[in-house]
PDB file of N, CA and C in Angstrom:
ATOM      1  N   MET A   1    -178.613  -4.244 -71.026  1.00  0.00           N
ATOM      2  CA  MET A   1    -178.584  -3.733 -72.438  1.00  0.00           C
ATOM      3  C   MET A   1    -179.616  -3.028 -72.679  1.00  0.00           C
ATOM      4  N   LYS A   2    -179.492  -1.798 -73.272  1.00  0.00           N
ATOM      5  CA  LYS A   2    -180.487  -0.801 -73.679  1.00  0.00           C
ATOM      6  C   LYS A   2    -180.923  -0.861 -75.113  1.00  0.00           C
ATOM      7  N   VAL A   3    -182.145  -1.157 -75.532  1.00  0.00           N
ATOM      8  CA  VAL A   3    -182.532  -1.309 -76.917  1.00  0.00           C
ATOM      9  C   VAL A   3    -182.219   0.111 -77.679  1.00  0.00           C
ATOM     10  N   GLY A   4    -182.313  -0.024 -78.890  1.00  0.00           N
ATOM     11  CA  GLY A   4    -181.985   1.214 -79.686  1.00  0.00           C
ATOM     12  C   GLY A   4    -182.811   1.235 -81.003  1.00  0.00           C
ATOM     13  N   PHE A   5    -183.004   2.480 -81.564  1.00  0.00           N
ATOM     14  CA  PHE A   5    -183.715   2.576 -82.825  1.00  0.00           C
ATOM     15  C   PHE A   5    -183.165   3.639 -83.574  1.00  0.00           C
ATOM     16  N   ILE A   6    -183.113   3.397 -84.934  1.00  0.00           N
ATOM     17  CA  ILE A   6    -182.797   4.524 -85.919  1.00  0.00           C
ATOM     18  C   ILE A   6    -184.006   4.792 -86.470  1.00  0.00           C
ATOM     19  N   TYR A   7    -184.070   6.065 -87.095  1.00  0.00           N
ATOM     20  CA  TYR A   7    -185.372   6.565 -87.833  1.00  0.00           C
ATOM     21  C   TYR A   7    -184.972   7.668 -88.756  1.00  0.00           C
ATOM     22  N   ILE A   8    -185.906   7.766 -89.597  1.00  0.00           N
ATOM     23  CA  ILE A   8    -185.724   8.689 -90.597  1.00  0.00           C
ATOM     24  C   ILE A   8    -187.058   9.643 -90.657  1.00  0.00           C
ATOM     25  N   MET A   9    -186.982  10.856 -90.672  1.00  0.00           N
ATOM     26  CA  MET A   9    -188.177  11.794 -90.571  1.00  0.00           C
ATOM     27  C   MET A   9    -188.099  12.668 -91.744  1.00  0.00           C
ATOM     28  N   THR A  10    -189.208  13.034 -92.292  1.00  0.00           N
ATOM     29  CA  THR A  10    -189.229  14.103 -93.293  1.00  0.00           C
ATOM     30  C   THR A  10    -190.400  14.920 -93.104  1.00  0.00           C
ATOM     31  N   ASN A  11    -190.707  15.976 -94.213  1.00  0.00           N
ATOM     32  CA  ASN A  11    -191.629  16.913 -94.028  1.00  0.00           C
ATOM     33  C   ASN A  11    -192.927  16.401 -94.969  1.00  0.00           C
ATOM     34  N   LYS A  12    -193.951  17.235 -95.112  1.00  0.00           N
ATOM     35  CA  LYS A  12    -195.041  16.756 -95.832  1.00  0.00           C
ATOM     36  C   LYS A  12    -194.791  16.640 -97.246  1.00  0.00           C
ATOM     37  N   ASN A  13    -193.735  17.375 -97.722  1.00  0.00           N
ATOM     38  CA  ASN A  13    -193.523  17.139 -99.215  1.00  0.00           C
ATOM     39  C   ASN A  13    -192.393  16.247 -99.406  1.00  0.00           C
ATOM     40  N   ASN A  14    -191.818  15.589 -98.471  1.00  0.00           N
ATOM     41  CA  ASN A  14    -190.781  14.605 -98.501  1.00  0.00           C
ATOM     42  C   ASN A  14    -189.468  15.168 -99.318  1.00  0.00           C
ATOM     43  N   THR A  15    -189.270  16.394 -98.864  1.00  0.00           N
ATOM     44  CA  THR A  15    -188.006  17.057 -99.569  1.00  0.00           C
ATOM     45  C   THR A  15    -186.776  17.046 -98.587  1.00  0.00           C
ATOM     46  N   THR A  16    -186.877  17.097 -97.351  1.00  0.00           N
ATOM     47  CA  THR A  16    -185.903  17.112 -96.367  1.00  0.00           C
ATOM     48  C   THR A  16    -185.850  15.783 -95.571  1.00  0.00           C
ATOM     49  N   LEU A  17    -184.702  15.279 -95.330  1.00  0.00           N
ATOM     50  CA  LEU A  17    -184.620  14.097 -94.452  1.00  0.00           C
ATOM     51  C   LEU A  17    -183.722  14.295 -93.200  1.00  0.00           C
ATOM     52  N   TYR A  18    -184.066  13.689 -92.070  1.00  0.00           N
ATOM     53  CA  TYR A  18    -183.374  13.713 -90.871  1.00  0.00           C
ATOM     54  C   TYR A  18    -183.239  12.289 -90.437  1.00  0.00           C
ATOM     55  N   THR A  19    -182.031  11.888 -90.226  1.00  0.00           N
ATOM     56  CA  THR A  19    -181.715  10.573 -89.493  1.00  0.00           C
ATOM     57  C   THR A  19    -181.384  10.698 -87.970  1.00  0.00           C
ATOM     58  N   GLY A  20    -182.068   9.956 -87.140  1.00  0.00           N
ATOM     59  CA  GLY A  20    -181.735  10.017 -85.770  1.00  0.00           C
ATOM     60  C   GLY A  20    -181.617   8.734 -85.166  1.00  0.00           C
ATOM     61  N   VAL A  21    -181.244   8.624 -83.772  1.00  0.00           N
ATOM     62  CA  VAL A  21    -181.203   7.501 -83.008  1.00  0.00           C
ATOM     63  C   VAL A  21    -181.689   7.868 -81.662  1.00  0.00           C
ATOM     64  N   THR A  22    -182.390   6.734 -81.032  1.00  0.00           N
ATOM     65  CA  THR A  22    -182.974   6.992 -79.621  1.00  0.00           C
ATOM     66  C   THR A  22    -183.195   5.568 -78.978  1.00  0.00           C
ATOM     67  N   SER A  23    -183.473   5.556 -77.886  1.00  0.00           N
ATOM     68  CA  SER A  23    -183.609   4.341 -77.005  1.00  0.00           C
ATOM     69  C   SER A  23    -185.246   4.176 -76.865  1.00  0.00           C
ATOM     70  N   ASN A  24    -186.005   5.299 -77.166  1.00  0.00           N
ATOM     71  CA  ASN A  24    -187.497   5.315 -76.903  1.00  0.00           C
ATOM     72  C   ASN A  24    -188.030   5.930 -78.113  1.00  0.00           C
ATOM     73  N   LEU A  25    -188.379   5.067 -79.232  1.00  0.00           N
ATOM     74  CA  LEU A  25    -188.701   5.676 -80.395  1.00  0.00           C
ATOM     75  C   LEU A  25    -190.156   6.376 -80.320  1.00  0.00           C
ATOM     76  N   PRO A  26    -191.191   5.963 -79.682  1.00  0.00           N
ATOM     77  CA  PRO A  26    -192.383   6.702 -79.725  1.00  0.00           C
ATOM     78  C   PRO A  26    -192.407   8.009 -78.889  1.00  0.00           C
ATOM     79  N   LEU A  27    -191.574   8.043 -77.876  1.00  0.00           N
ATOM     80  CA  LEU A  27    -191.393   9.184 -77.063  1.00  0.00           C
ATOM     81  C   LEU A  27    -190.616  10.249 -77.973  1.00  0.00           C
ATOM     82  N   ARG A  28    -189.550   9.881 -78.679  1.00  0.00           N
ATOM     83  CA  ARG A  28    -188.736  10.653 -79.485  1.00  0.00           C
ATOM     84  C   ARG A  28    -189.402  11.303 -80.822  1.00  0.00           C
ATOM     85  N   ILE A  29    -190.257  10.470 -81.351  1.00  0.00           N
ATOM     86  CA  ILE A  29    -191.100  10.774 -82.359  1.00  0.00           C
ATOM     87  C   ILE A  29    -192.073  11.924 -82.020  1.00  0.00           C
ATOM     88  N   GLN A  30    -192.758  11.768 -80.770  1.00  0.00           N
ATOM     89  CA  GLN A  30    -193.631  12.627 -80.292  1.00  0.00           C
ATOM     90  C   GLN A  30    -192.931  13.937 -80.009  1.00  0.00           C
ATOM     91  N   GLU A  31    -191.793  13.957 -79.407  1.00  0.00           N
ATOM     92  CA  GLU A  31    -191.130  15.117 -79.145  1.00  0.00           C
ATOM     93  C   GLU A  31    -190.678  15.894 -80.483  1.00  0.00           C
ATOM     94  N   HIS A  32    -190.553  15.187 -81.573  1.00  0.00           N
ATOM     95  CA  HIS A  32    -190.289  15.899 -82.865  1.00  0.00           C
ATOM     96  C   HIS A  32    -191.686  16.629 -83.216  1.00  0.00           C
ATOM     97  N   LYS A  33    -192.805  15.794 -83.169  1.00  0.00           N
ATOM     98  CA  LYS A  33    -193.948  16.308 -83.590  1.00  0.00           C
ATOM     99  C   LYS A  33    -194.447  17.463 -82.811  1.00  0.00           C
ATOM    100  N   ASP A  34    -194.138  17.425 -81.465  1.00  0.00           N
ATOM    101  CA  ASP A  34    -194.438  18.617 -80.615  1.00  0.00           C
ATOM    102  C   ASP A  34    -193.523  19.709 -80.691  1.00  0.00           C
ATOM    103  N   GLN A  35    -192.414  19.637 -81.273  1.00  0.00           N
ATOM    104  CA  GLN A  35    -191.422  20.557 -81.546  1.00  0.00           C
ATOM    105  C   GLN A  35    -190.719  21.010 -80.183  1.00  0.00           C
ATOM    106  N   LEU A  36    -190.557  19.818 -79.411  1.00  0.00           N
ATOM    107  CA  LEU A  36    -190.039  20.142 -78.055  1.00  0.00           C
ATOM    108  C   LEU A  36    -188.820  21.106 -77.960  1.00  0.00           C
ATOM    109  N   HIS A  37    -187.937  20.887 -78.949  1.00  0.00           N
ATOM    110  CA  HIS A  37    -186.878  21.921 -79.157  1.00  0.00           C
ATOM    111  C   HIS A  37    -187.163  22.659 -80.415  1.00  0.00           C
ATOM    112  N   PRO A  38    -187.711  23.918 -80.141  1.00  0.00           N
ATOM    113  CA  PRO A  38    -188.100  24.757 -81.213  1.00  0.00           C
ATOM    114  C   PRO A  38    -186.997  25.184 -82.268  1.00  0.00           C
ATOM    115  N   TYR A  39    -185.663  25.096 -81.856  1.00  0.00           N
ATOM    116  CA  TYR A  39    -184.545  25.565 -82.739  1.00  0.00           C
ATOM    117  C   TYR A  39    -183.892  24.289 -83.338  1.00  0.00           C
ATOM    118  N   SER A  40    -184.431  23.189 -83.150  1.00  0.00           N
ATOM    119  CA  SER A  40    -183.690  22.037 -83.806  1.00  0.00           C
ATOM    120  C   SER A  40    -183.979  21.830 -85.372  1.00  0.00           C
ATOM    121  N   PHE A  41    -183.227  21.185 -86.066  1.00  0.00           N
ATOM    122  CA  PHE A  41    -183.319  20.897 -87.409  1.00  0.00           C
ATOM    123  C   PHE A  41    -184.703  20.282 -87.702  1.00  0.00           C
ATOM    124  N   THR A  42    -185.151  19.420 -87.053  1.00  0.00           N
ATOM    125  CA  THR A  42    -186.547  18.956 -87.405  1.00  0.00           C
ATOM    126  C   THR A  42    -187.690  19.963 -87.168  1.00  0.00           C
ATOM    127  N   ALA A  43    -187.501  20.846 -86.173  1.00  0.00           N
ATOM    128  CA  ALA A  43    -188.450  21.889 -85.977  1.00  0.00           C
ATOM    129  C   ALA A  43    -188.534  22.956 -86.996  1.00  0.00           C
ATOM    130  N   ARG A  44    -187.273  23.300 -87.399  1.00  0.00           N
ATOM    131  CA  ARG A  44    -187.103  24.516 -88.319  1.00  0.00           C
ATOM    132  C   ARG A  44    -187.592  23.987 -89.703  1.00  0.00           C
ATOM    133  N   TYR A  45    -187.371  22.823 -89.984  1.00  0.00           N
ATOM    134  CA  TYR A  45    -187.799  22.470 -91.478  1.00  0.00           C
ATOM    135  C   TYR A  45    -189.152  21.485 -91.374  1.00  0.00           C
ATOM    136  N   ASN A  46    -189.810  21.525 -90.180  1.00  0.00           N
ATOM    137  CA  ASN A  46    -191.314  20.856 -90.069  1.00  0.00           C
ATOM    138  C   ASN A  46    -191.197  19.460 -90.491  1.00  0.00           C
ATOM    139  N   LEU A  47    -190.242  18.565 -89.898  1.00  0.00           N
ATOM    140  CA  LEU A  47    -190.027  17.191 -90.079  1.00  0.00           C
ATOM    141  C   LEU A  47    -190.813  16.459 -89.054  1.00  0.00           C
ATOM    142  N   HIS A  48    -192.111  16.171 -89.389  1.00  0.00           N
ATOM    143  CA  HIS A  48    -192.996  15.510 -88.513  1.00  0.00           C
ATOM    144  C   HIS A  48    -193.466  14.195 -88.937  1.00  0.00           C
ATOM    145  N   LYS A  49    -193.056  13.731 -90.128  1.00  0.00           N
ATOM    146  CA  LYS A  49    -193.503  12.481 -90.592  1.00  0.00           C
ATOM    147  C   LYS A  49    -192.374  11.276 -90.546  1.00  0.00           C
ATOM    148  N   LEU A  50    -192.749  10.231 -89.735  1.00  0.00           N
ATOM    149  CA  LEU A  50    -191.682   9.208 -89.656  1.00  0.00           C
ATOM    150  C   LEU A  50    -191.968   8.327 -90.837  1.00  0.00           C
ATOM    151  N   VAL A  51    -190.789   8.063 -91.595  1.00  0.00           N
ATOM    152  CA  VAL A  51    -190.961   7.262 -92.832  1.00  0.00           C
ATOM    153  C   VAL A  51    -190.148   5.993 -92.905  1.00  0.00           C
ATOM    154  N   TYR A  52    -189.401   5.898 -91.900  1.00  0.00           N
ATOM    155  CA  TYR A  52    -188.423   4.691 -91.815  1.00  0.00           C
ATOM    156  C   TYR A  52    -187.967   4.426 -90.350  1.00  0.00           C
ATOM    157  N   TRP A  53    -187.847   3.150 -89.939  1.00  0.00           N
ATOM    158  CA  TRP A  53    -187.079   2.920 -88.687  1.00  0.00           C
ATOM    159  C   TRP A  53    -186.762   1.497 -88.519  1.00  0.00           C
ATOM    160  N   GLU A  54    -185.670   1.392 -87.688  1.00  0.00           N
ATOM    161  CA  GLU A  54    -185.092   0.099 -87.570  1.00  0.00           C
ATOM    162  C   GLU A  54    -185.067  -0.145 -85.938  1.00  0.00           C
ATOM    163  N   ALA A  55    -185.036  -1.380 -85.480  1.00  0.00           N
ATOM    164  CA  ALA A  55    -184.914  -1.526 -84.093  1.00  0.00           C
ATOM    165  C   ALA A  55    -183.650  -2.468 -83.800  1.00  0.00           C
ATOM    166  N   PHE A  56    -183.037  -2.323 -82.684  1.00  0.00           N
ATOM    167  CA  PHE A  56    -181.799  -3.148 -82.323  1.00  0.00           C
ATOM    168  C   PHE A  56    -181.777  -3.360 -80.885  1.00  0.00           C
ATOM    169  N   GLN A  57    -181.190  -4.654 -80.619  1.00  0.00           N
ATOM    170  CA  GLN A  57    -181.267  -5.132 -79.155  1.00  0.00           C
ATOM    171  C   GLN A  57    -180.191  -4.206 -78.342  1.00  0.00           C
ATOM    172  N   ASP A  58    -179.218  -3.482 -79.009  1.00  0.00           N
ATOM    173  CA  ASP A  58    -178.249  -2.699 -78.170  1.00  0.00           C
ATOM    174  C   ASP A  58    -178.187  -1.249 -78.786  1.00  0.00           C
ATOM    175  N   ILE A  59    -178.216  -0.238 -78.080  1.00  0.00           N
ATOM    176  CA  ILE A  59    -178.125   1.064 -78.467  1.00  0.00           C
ATOM    177  C   ILE A  59    -176.849   1.344 -79.271  1.00  0.00           C
ATOM    178  N   GLY A  60    -175.750   0.709 -78.925  1.00  0.00           N
ATOM    179  CA  GLY A  60    -174.561   0.818 -79.544  1.00  0.00           C
ATOM    180  C   GLY A  60    -174.650   0.390 -81.093  1.00  0.00           C
ATOM    181  N   ASP A  61    -175.524  -0.793 -81.373  1.00  0.00           N
ATOM    182  CA  ASP A  61    -175.668  -1.163 -82.719  1.00  0.00           C
ATOM    183  C   ASP A  61    -176.425  -0.160 -83.431  1.00  0.00           C
ATOM    184  N   ALA A  62    -177.406   0.531 -82.701  1.00  0.00           N
ATOM    185  CA  ALA A  62    -178.217   1.559 -83.383  1.00  0.00           C
ATOM    186  C   ALA A  62    -177.421   2.750 -83.790  1.00  0.00           C
ATOM    187  N   ILE A  63    -176.507   3.234 -82.882  1.00  0.00           N
ATOM    188  CA  ILE A  63    -175.591   4.431 -83.166  1.00  0.00           C
ATOM    189  C   ILE A  63    -174.791   4.076 -84.261  1.00  0.00           C
ATOM    190  N   PHE A  64    -174.189   2.663 -84.299  1.00  0.00           N
ATOM    191  CA  PHE A  64    -173.343   2.426 -85.566  1.00  0.00           C
ATOM    192  C   PHE A  64    -174.116   2.423 -87.003  1.00  0.00           C
ATOM    193  N   ARG A  65    -175.376   1.902 -86.858  1.00  0.00           N
ATOM    194  CA  ARG A  65    -176.206   2.040 -88.151  1.00  0.00           C
ATOM    195  C   ARG A  65    -176.564   3.513 -88.344  1.00  0.00           C
ATOM    196  N   GLU A  66    -176.945   4.293 -87.347  1.00  0.00           N
ATOM    197  CA  GLU A  66    -177.099   5.706 -87.658  1.00  0.00           C
ATOM    198  C   GLU A  66    -176.078   6.356 -88.402  1.00  0.00           C
ATOM    199  N   LYS A  67    -174.758   5.995 -88.027  1.00  0.00           N
ATOM    200  CA  LYS A  67    -173.555   6.661 -88.572  1.00  0.00           C
ATOM    201  C   LYS A  67    -173.411   6.087 -90.121  1.00  0.00           C
ATOM    202  N   GLN A  68    -173.715   4.769 -90.333  1.00  0.00           N
ATOM    203  CA  GLN A  68    -173.698   4.290 -91.727  1.00  0.00           C
ATOM    204  C   GLN A  68    -174.681   4.912 -92.608  1.00  0.00           C
ATOM    205  N   ILE A  69    -175.878   5.256 -92.034  1.00  0.00           N
ATOM    206  CA  ILE A  69    -176.956   5.653 -92.919  1.00  0.00           C
ATOM    207  C   ILE A  69    -176.613   7.194 -93.224  1.00  0.00           C
ATOM    208  N   LYS A  70    -176.214   8.044 -92.221  1.00  0.00           N
ATOM    209  CA  LYS A  70    -175.747   9.402 -92.287  1.00  0.00           C
ATOM    210  C   LYS A  70    -174.652   9.588 -93.199  1.00  0.00           C
ATOM    211  N   ALA A  71    -173.679   8.657 -93.446  1.00  0.00           N
ATOM    212  CA  ALA A  71    -172.576   8.676 -94.192  1.00  0.00           C
ATOM    213  C   ALA A  71    -172.909   8.404 -95.637  1.00  0.00           C
ATOM    214  N   GLY A  72    -174.169   7.719 -95.932  1.00  0.00           N
ATOM    215  CA  GLY A  72    -174.632   7.410 -97.301  1.00  0.00           C
ATOM    216  C   GLY A  72    -175.217   8.599 -97.941  1.00  0.00           C
ATOM    217  N   SER A  73    -175.346   8.401 -99.252  1.00  0.00           N
ATOM    218  CA  SER A  73    -175.844   9.467-100.097  1.00  0.00           C
ATOM    219  C   SER A  73    -177.397   9.690 -99.757  1.00  0.00           C
ATOM    220  N   ARG A  74    -177.857  10.700-100.279  1.00  0.00           N
ATOM    221  CA  ARG A  74    -179.294  10.959-100.239  1.00  0.00           C
ATOM    222  C   ARG A  74    -180.025   9.823-101.177  1.00  0.00           C
ATOM    223  N   GLN A  75    -179.480   9.352-102.167  1.00  0.00           N
ATOM    224  CA  GLN A  75    -180.058   8.356-102.902  1.00  0.00           C
ATOM    225  C   GLN A  75    -180.226   7.094-102.155  1.00  0.00           C
ATOM    226  N   LYS A  76    -178.996   6.770-101.411  1.00  0.00           N
ATOM    227  CA  LYS A  76    -179.143   5.523-100.512  1.00  0.00           C
ATOM    228  C   LYS A  76    -180.271   5.619 -99.551  1.00  0.00           C
ATOM    229  N   LYS A  77    -180.357   6.849 -98.936  1.00  0.00           N
ATOM    230  CA  LYS A  77    -181.527   6.995 -97.957  1.00  0.00           C
ATOM    231  C   LYS A  77    -182.882   6.871 -98.625  1.00  0.00           C
ATOM    232  N   LEU A  78    -183.102   7.337 -99.810  1.00  0.00           N
ATOM    233  CA  LEU A  78    -184.270   7.346-100.622  1.00  0.00           C
ATOM    234  C   LEU A  78    -184.600   5.827-100.849  1.00  0.00           C
ATOM    235  N   ALA A  79    -183.606   5.086-101.238  1.00  0.00           N
ATOM    236  CA  ALA A  79    -183.626   3.698-101.728  1.00  0.00           C
ATOM    237  C   ALA A  79    -184.075   2.874-100.361  1.00  0.00           C
ATOM    238  N   LEU A  80    -183.466   3.240 -99.298  1.00  0.00           N
ATOM    239  CA  LEU A  80    -183.937   2.514 -98.009  1.00  0.00           C
ATOM    240  C   LEU A  80    -185.331   2.747 -97.620  1.00  0.00           C
ATOM    241  N   ILE A  81    -185.800   4.042 -97.716  1.00  0.00           N
ATOM    242  CA  ILE A  81    -187.131   4.293 -97.336  1.00  0.00           C
ATOM    243  C   ILE A  81    -188.156   3.606 -98.283  1.00  0.00           C
ATOM    244  N   ASN A  82    -187.791   3.667 -99.740  1.00  0.00           N
ATOM    245  CA  ASN A  82    -188.569   3.213-100.719  1.00  0.00           C
ATOM    246  C   ASN A  82    -188.627   1.570-100.589  1.00  0.00           C
ATOM    247  N   SER A  83    -187.684   0.877 -99.943  1.00  0.00           N
ATOM    248  CA  SER A  83    -187.692  -0.466 -99.954  1.00  0.00           C
ATOM    249  C   SER A  83    -188.719  -0.951 -98.924  1.00  0.00           C
ATOM    250  N   LEU A  84    -188.971  -0.235 -97.920  1.00  0.00           N
ATOM    251  CA  LEU A  84    -189.996  -0.533 -96.868  1.00  0.00           C
ATOM    252  C   LEU A  84    -191.330   0.136 -96.808  1.00  0.00           C
ATOM    253  N   ASN A  85    -191.168   1.528 -97.246  1.00  0.00           N
ATOM    254  CA  ASN A  85    -192.298   2.385 -97.314  1.00  0.00           C
ATOM    255  C   ASN A  85    -192.440   2.979 -98.649  1.00  0.00           C
ATOM    256  N   PRO A  86    -192.739   2.301 -99.669  1.00  0.00           N
ATOM    257  CA  PRO A  86    -192.773   3.071-100.935  1.00  0.00           C
ATOM    258  C   PRO A  86    -193.744   4.248-101.149  1.00  0.00           C
ATOM    259  N   GLU A  87    -194.743   4.174-100.362  1.00  0.00           N
ATOM    260  CA  GLU A  87    -195.907   5.138-100.496  1.00  0.00           C
ATOM    261  C   GLU A  87    -195.409   6.310 -99.406  1.00  0.00           C
ATOM    262  N   TRP A  88    -194.420   6.228 -98.596  1.00  0.00           N
ATOM    263  CA  TRP A  88    -193.864   7.323 -97.802  1.00  0.00           C
ATOM    264  C   TRP A  88    -195.073   7.717 -96.679  1.00  0.00           C
ATOM    265  N   LYS A  89    -195.607   6.700 -96.202  1.00  0.00           N
ATOM    266  CA  LYS A  89    -196.768   6.900 -95.183  1.00  0.00           C
ATOM    267  C   LYS A  89    -196.172   7.240 -93.837  1.00  0.00           C
ATOM    268  N   ASP A  90    -196.711   7.959 -93.298  1.00  0.00           N
ATOM    269  CA  ASP A  90    -196.352   8.291 -91.760  1.00  0.00           C
ATOM    270  C   ASP A  90    -196.452   7.066 -90.922  1.00  0.00           C
ATOM    271  N   LEU A  91    -195.440   6.367 -90.354  1.00  0.00           N
ATOM    272  CA  LEU A  91    -195.497   5.243 -89.698  1.00  0.00           C
ATOM    273  C   LEU A  91    -195.600   5.347 -88.087  1.00  0.00           C
ATOM    274  N   THR A  92    -195.973   6.474 -87.706  1.00  0.00           N
ATOM    275  CA  THR A  92    -196.112   6.951 -86.242  1.00  0.00           C
ATOM    276  C   THR A  92    -197.016   5.993 -85.600  1.00  0.00           C
ATOM    277  N   GLU A  93    -198.276   5.759 -86.189  1.00  0.00           N
ATOM    278  CA  GLU A  93    -199.168   4.865 -85.417  1.00  0.00           C
ATOM    279  C   GLU A  93    -198.628   3.425 -85.252  1.00  0.00           C
ATOM    280  N   SER A  94    -197.847   3.063 -86.047  1.00  0.00           N
ATOM    281  CA  SER A  94    -197.316   1.625 -86.015  1.00  0.00           C
ATOM    282  C   SER A  94    -196.420   1.331 -85.077  1.00  0.00           C
ATOM    283  N   ILE A  95    -195.907   2.446 -84.442  1.00  0.00           N
ATOM    284  CA  ILE A  95    -194.883   2.255 -83.352  1.00  0.00           C
ATOM    285  C   ILE A  95    -195.316   2.595 -81.951  1.00  0.00           C
ATOM    286  N   LYS A  96    -196.586   3.070 -81.856  1.00  0.00           N
ATOM    287  CA  LYS A  96    -197.024   3.590 -80.536  1.00  0.00           C
ATOM    288  C   LYS A  96    -196.880   2.604 -79.298  1.00  0.00           C
ATOM    289  N   ASP A  97    -196.951   1.252 -79.612  1.00  0.00           N
ATOM    290  CA  ASP A  97    -196.865   0.247 -78.648  1.00  0.00           C
ATOM    291  C   ASP A  97    -195.665  -0.591 -78.541  1.00  0.00           C
ATOM    292  N   ILE A  98    -194.575  -0.014 -79.418  1.00  0.00           N
ATOM    293  CA  ILE A  98    -193.390  -0.726 -79.696  1.00  0.00           C
ATOM    294  C   ILE A  98    -192.511  -0.940 -78.313  1.00  0.00           C
ATOM    295  N   MET A  99    -192.755  -0.131 -77.337  1.00  0.00           N
ATOM    296  CA  MET A  99    -191.952  -0.294 -76.015  1.00  0.00           C
ATOM    297  C   MET A  99    -192.540  -1.163 -75.172  1.00  0.00           C
ATOM    298  N   ASN A 100    -193.841  -1.535 -75.461  1.00  0.00           N
ATOM    299  CA  ASN A 100    -194.599  -2.532 -74.505  1.00  0.00           C
ATOM    300  C   ASN A 100    -194.812  -3.940 -75.358  1.00  0.00           C
ATOM    301  N   PRO A 101    -194.007  -4.957 -75.444  1.00  0.00           N
ATOM    302  CA  PRO A 101    -194.043  -5.988 -76.273  1.00  0.00           C
ATOM    303  C   PRO A 101    -195.122  -6.906 -75.831  1.00  0.00           C
ATOM    304  N   TYR A 102    -195.755  -6.724 -74.672  1.00  0.00           N
ATOM    305  CA  TYR A 102    -196.733  -7.738 -74.168  1.00  0.00           C
ATOM    306  C   TYR A 102    -198.057  -7.063 -73.879  1.00  0.00           C
TER     307      TYR A 102
END
């Protein structure tokens, strides 16, 4: 079973949101920050700030959750972020060792 993560990224002004799914959250966030794919949505809109994430024991559950979040309104996404990160801080530092639990 492969672990999975969903995450929400935004820009410095918190105006644009991107919801994604991955099996390696620290690596994927670094790829966004490095603009590994320069024509991607996150690169075009400078979405470099991780403001929300959830972990799942199975990638399939993460994909299901990503679809739920993407189907929701912007207001629901804002409420989700505000529930766990009301100051909209960049959470990147908090996930750097998440793939090494020991």
